[in-house]
C-alpha atoms as a PDB file:
ATOM      1  CA  MET A   1      25.365  -0.020  11.374  1.00  0.00           C
ATOM      2  CA  PHE A   2      22.461  -2.003   9.877  1.00  0.00           C
ATOM      3  CA  PRO A   3      21.594  -5.462  11.181  1.00  0.00           C
ATOM      4  CA  ASP A   4      21.116  -7.010   7.746  1.00  0.00           C
ATOM      5  CA  GLU A   5      20.923  -6.321   4.033  1.00  0.00           C
ATOM      6  CA  GLY A   6      17.130  -5.897   4.164  1.00  0.00           C
ATOM      7  CA  HIS A   7      17.430  -2.893   6.451  1.00  0.00           C
ATOM      8  CA  GLN A   8      20.168  -1.413   4.270  1.00  0.00           C
ATOM      9  CA  ALA A   9      17.992  -1.852   1.184  1.00  0.00           C
ATOM     10  CA  GLU A  10      15.046  -0.129   2.886  1.00  0.00           C
ATOM     11  CA  ARG A  11      17.246   2.749   4.018  1.00  0.00           C
ATOM     12  CA  GLN A  12      18.618   3.162   0.489  1.00  0.00           C
ATOM     13  CA  PHE A  13      15.072   3.102  -0.904  1.00  0.00           C
ATOM     14  CA  TRP A  14      14.031   6.042   1.316  1.00  0.00           C
ATOM     15  CA  ILE A  15      17.150   7.969   0.310  1.00  0.00           C
ATOM     16  CA  ASP A  16      16.436   7.389  -3.389  1.00  0.00           C
ATOM     17  CA  LEU A  17      12.787   8.331  -2.936  1.00  0.00           C
ATOM     18  CA  TYR A  18      13.827  11.552  -1.185  1.00  0.00           C
ATOM     19  CA  PHE A  19      15.699  12.671  -4.306  1.00  0.00           C
ATOM     20  CA  ARG A  20      12.856  11.577  -6.596  1.00  0.00           C
ATOM     21  CA  VAL A  21      10.365  13.739  -4.669  1.00  0.00           C
ATOM     22  CA  LEU A  22      12.867  16.600  -4.559  1.00  0.00           C
ATOM     23  CA  ARG A  23      13.104  16.556  -8.383  1.00  0.00           C
ATOM     24  CA  GLU A  24       9.305  16.778  -8.585  1.00  0.00           C
ATOM     25  CA  MET A  25       9.237  19.693  -6.154  1.00  0.00           C
ATOM     26  CA  ASP A  26      11.825  21.529  -8.245  1.00  0.00           C
ATOM     27  CA  LYS A  27       9.404  21.409 -11.195  1.00  0.00           C
ATOM     28  CA  GLN A  28       6.634  23.213  -9.305  1.00  0.00           C
ATOM     29  CA  PRO A  29       6.805  27.026  -9.147  1.00  0.00           C
ATOM     30  CA  PHE A  30       4.880  27.040  -5.841  1.00  0.00           C
ATOM     31  CA  PHE A  31       7.923  25.829  -3.915  1.00  0.00           C
ATOM     32  CA  ARG A  32      10.271  28.381  -5.444  1.00  0.00           C
ATOM     33  CA  ARG A  33       7.780  31.184  -4.907  1.00  0.00           C
ATOM     34  CA  CYS A  34       7.269  30.252  -1.240  1.00  0.00           C
ATOM     35  CA  GLY A  35      10.904  29.397  -0.618  1.00  0.00           C
ATOM     36  CA  LEU A  36      10.009  25.912   0.617  1.00  0.00           C
ATOM     37  CA  TRP A  37      12.150  22.792   0.637  1.00  0.00           C
ATOM     38  CA  TYR A  38      11.782  19.555   2.538  1.00  0.00           C
ATOM     39  CA  ASP A  39      13.799  17.516   4.961  1.00  0.00           C
ATOM     40  CA  GLY A  40      12.935  14.009   3.801  1.00  0.00           C
ATOM     41  CA  LEU A  41      10.152  11.505   4.314  1.00  0.00           C
ATOM     42  CA  THR A  42       9.693   9.941   7.738  1.00  0.00           C
ATOM     43  CA  PRO A  43       7.636   6.735   7.570  1.00  0.00           C
ATOM     44  CA  LYS A  44       5.413   6.247  10.603  1.00  0.00           C
ATOM     45  CA  ARG A  45       2.790   3.583   9.783  1.00  0.00           C
ATOM     46  CA  TYR A  46       3.052   0.574   7.520  1.00  0.00           C
ATOM     47  CA  TYR A  47      -0.335  -0.707   6.317  1.00  0.00           C
ATOM     48  CA  LEU A  48       0.700  -4.103   5.015  1.00  0.00           C
ATOM     49  CA  LEU A  49      -2.092  -6.612   4.516  1.00  0.00           C
ATOM     50  CA  ASP A  50      -2.195  -9.660   2.298  1.00  0.00           C
ATOM     51  CA  GLY A  51      -4.667  -9.287  -0.542  1.00  0.00           C
ATOM     52  CA  VAL A  52      -4.826  -5.483  -0.698  1.00  0.00           C
ATOM     53  CA  PRO A  53      -2.351  -2.941  -2.058  1.00  0.00           C
ATOM     54  CA  SER A  54      -0.034  -1.770   0.678  1.00  0.00           C
ATOM     55  CA  ARG A  55       0.450   1.764   1.924  1.00  0.00           C
ATOM     56  CA  ILE A  56       2.996   3.511   4.098  1.00  0.00           C
ATOM     57  CA  THR A  57       2.176   6.853   5.688  1.00  0.00           C
ATOM     58  CA  GLY A  58       4.264   9.369   7.532  1.00  0.00           C
ATOM     59  CA  VAL A  59       5.326  12.967   7.820  1.00  0.00           C
ATOM     60  CA  VAL A  60       7.306  15.433   5.773  1.00  0.00           C
ATOM     61  CA  TRP A  61       8.836  18.529   7.318  1.00  0.00           C
ATOM     62  CA  MET A  62       8.625  21.414   4.868  1.00  0.00           C
ATOM     63  CA  MET A  63      11.083  24.171   5.647  1.00  0.00           C
ATOM     64  CA  GLY A  64      10.686  27.818   4.762  1.00  0.00           C
ATOM     65  CA  THR A  65      12.768  30.876   5.407  1.00  0.00           C
ATOM     66  CA  ARG A  66      10.723  31.726   8.486  1.00  0.00           C
ATOM     67  CA  HIS A  67       8.741  28.643   9.401  1.00  0.00           C
ATOM     68  CA  ASN A  68       8.442  24.854   9.316  1.00  0.00           C
ATOM     69  CA  GLU A  69       5.312  22.962   8.341  1.00  0.00           C
ATOM     70  CA  LYS A  70       4.382  19.373   9.037  1.00  0.00           C
ATOM     71  CA  TRP A  71       2.896  17.730   5.941  1.00  0.00           C
ATOM     72  CA  LYS A  72       1.537  14.226   5.428  1.00  0.00           C
ATOM     73  CA  PHE A  73       2.757  11.709   2.920  1.00  0.00           C
ATOM     74  CA  SER A  74       1.502   8.390   1.610  1.00  0.00           C
ATOM     75  CA  LEU A  75       3.485   5.845  -0.332  1.00  0.00           C
ATOM     76  CA  ILE A  76       1.159   3.581  -2.293  1.00  0.00           C
ATOM     77  CA  LEU A  77       2.567   0.215  -3.303  1.00  0.00           C
ATOM     78  CA  THR A  78       0.984  -1.676  -6.202  1.00  0.00           C
ATOM     79  CA  PHE A  79       1.190  -5.037  -4.446  1.00  0.00           C
ATOM     80  CA  SER A  80       0.156  -6.617  -1.181  1.00  0.00           C
ATOM     81  CA  THR A  81       2.568  -7.902   1.418  1.00  0.00           C
ATOM     82  CA  SER A  82       2.307  -9.274   4.913  1.00  0.00           C
ATOM     83  CA  GLY A  83       5.263  -7.396   6.392  1.00  0.00           C
ATOM     84  CA  ARG A  84       8.267  -5.145   5.872  1.00  0.00           C
ATOM     85  CA  ALA A  85      10.598  -8.132   5.663  1.00  0.00           C
ATOM     86  CA  ASP A  86       8.670  -9.347   2.584  1.00  0.00           C
ATOM     87  CA  ILE A  87       9.247  -6.141   0.614  1.00  0.00           C
ATOM     88  CA  ALA A  88      12.051  -6.314  -1.934  1.00  0.00           C
ATOM     89  CA  TRP A  89      13.132  -2.708  -1.322  1.00  0.00           C
ATOM     90  CA  SER A  90      15.962  -2.831  -3.838  1.00  0.00           C
ATOM     91  CA  ASP A  91      13.458  -3.794  -6.570  1.00  0.00           C
ATOM     92  CA  LEU A  92      11.275  -0.727  -6.011  1.00  0.00           C
ATOM     93  CA  LEU A  93      12.184   1.938  -8.524  1.00  0.00           C
ATOM     94  CA  PRO A  94      11.491   5.497  -7.358  1.00  0.00           C
ATOM     95  CA  ALA A  95      12.336   6.770 -10.851  1.00  0.00           C
ATOM     96  CA  GLU A  96       9.061   5.194 -11.994  1.00  0.00           C
ATOM     97  CA  ALA A  97       7.044   6.778  -9.223  1.00  0.00           C
ATOM     98  CA  ASN A  98       4.083   9.050  -9.802  1.00  0.00           C
ATOM     99  CA  VAL A  99       4.498  11.899  -7.317  1.00  0.00           C
ATOM    100  CA  VAL A 100       1.491  14.095  -6.524  1.00  0.00           C
ATOM    101  CA  ILE A 101       2.233  17.147  -4.414  1.00  0.00           C
ATOM    102  CA  ALA A 102      -0.803  18.999  -3.061  1.00  0.00           C
ATOM    103  CA  PRO A 103       0.344  22.197  -1.297  1.00  0.00           C
ATOM    104  CA  GLU A 104      -3.238  23.218  -0.501  1.00  0.00           C
ATOM    105  CA  LYS A 105      -3.710  19.976   1.479  1.00  0.00           C
ATOM    106  CA  LYS A 106      -0.115  19.837   2.712  1.00  0.00           C
ATOM    107  CA  GLU A 107       0.211  16.317   1.350  1.00  0.00           C
ATOM    108  CA  ILE A 108       2.551  14.336  -0.848  1.00  0.00           C
ATOM    109  CA  GLU A 109       1.429  11.055  -2.398  1.00  0.00           C
ATOM    110  CA  VAL A 110       3.797   8.699  -4.158  1.00  0.00           C
ATOM    111  CA  ARG A 111       2.498   5.799  -6.248  1.00  0.00           C
ATOM    112  CA  LEU A 112       5.138   3.326  -7.262  1.00  0.00           C
ATOM    113  CA  GLY A 113       5.132   1.541 -10.589  1.00  0.00           C
ATOM    114  CA  GLN A 114       2.674   3.834 -12.336  1.00  0.00           C
END
């Protein structure tokens, strides 16, 4: 199904991060009050430049009882890298992520290693 171990590791990272963000959402009364849940993170753009911290942006579909909303997300890495193949996905620990959920902006930001 996956061409190599690197792709499998990246896929597993996004699955693990999904559950990490879900745990953070469960802590916030806003989501219970509004009946919102989310359908995972979909990475769209990888900003990977040597010498500057890397960032991955994408979309999050928030689901409600009567509507869906498209939110933005950013994943901030604490290191620089020149490409996806250089990222050691299995070494990134979502349990140590700082998750900031801003319902008023419809944004989720995840900072790894902080």
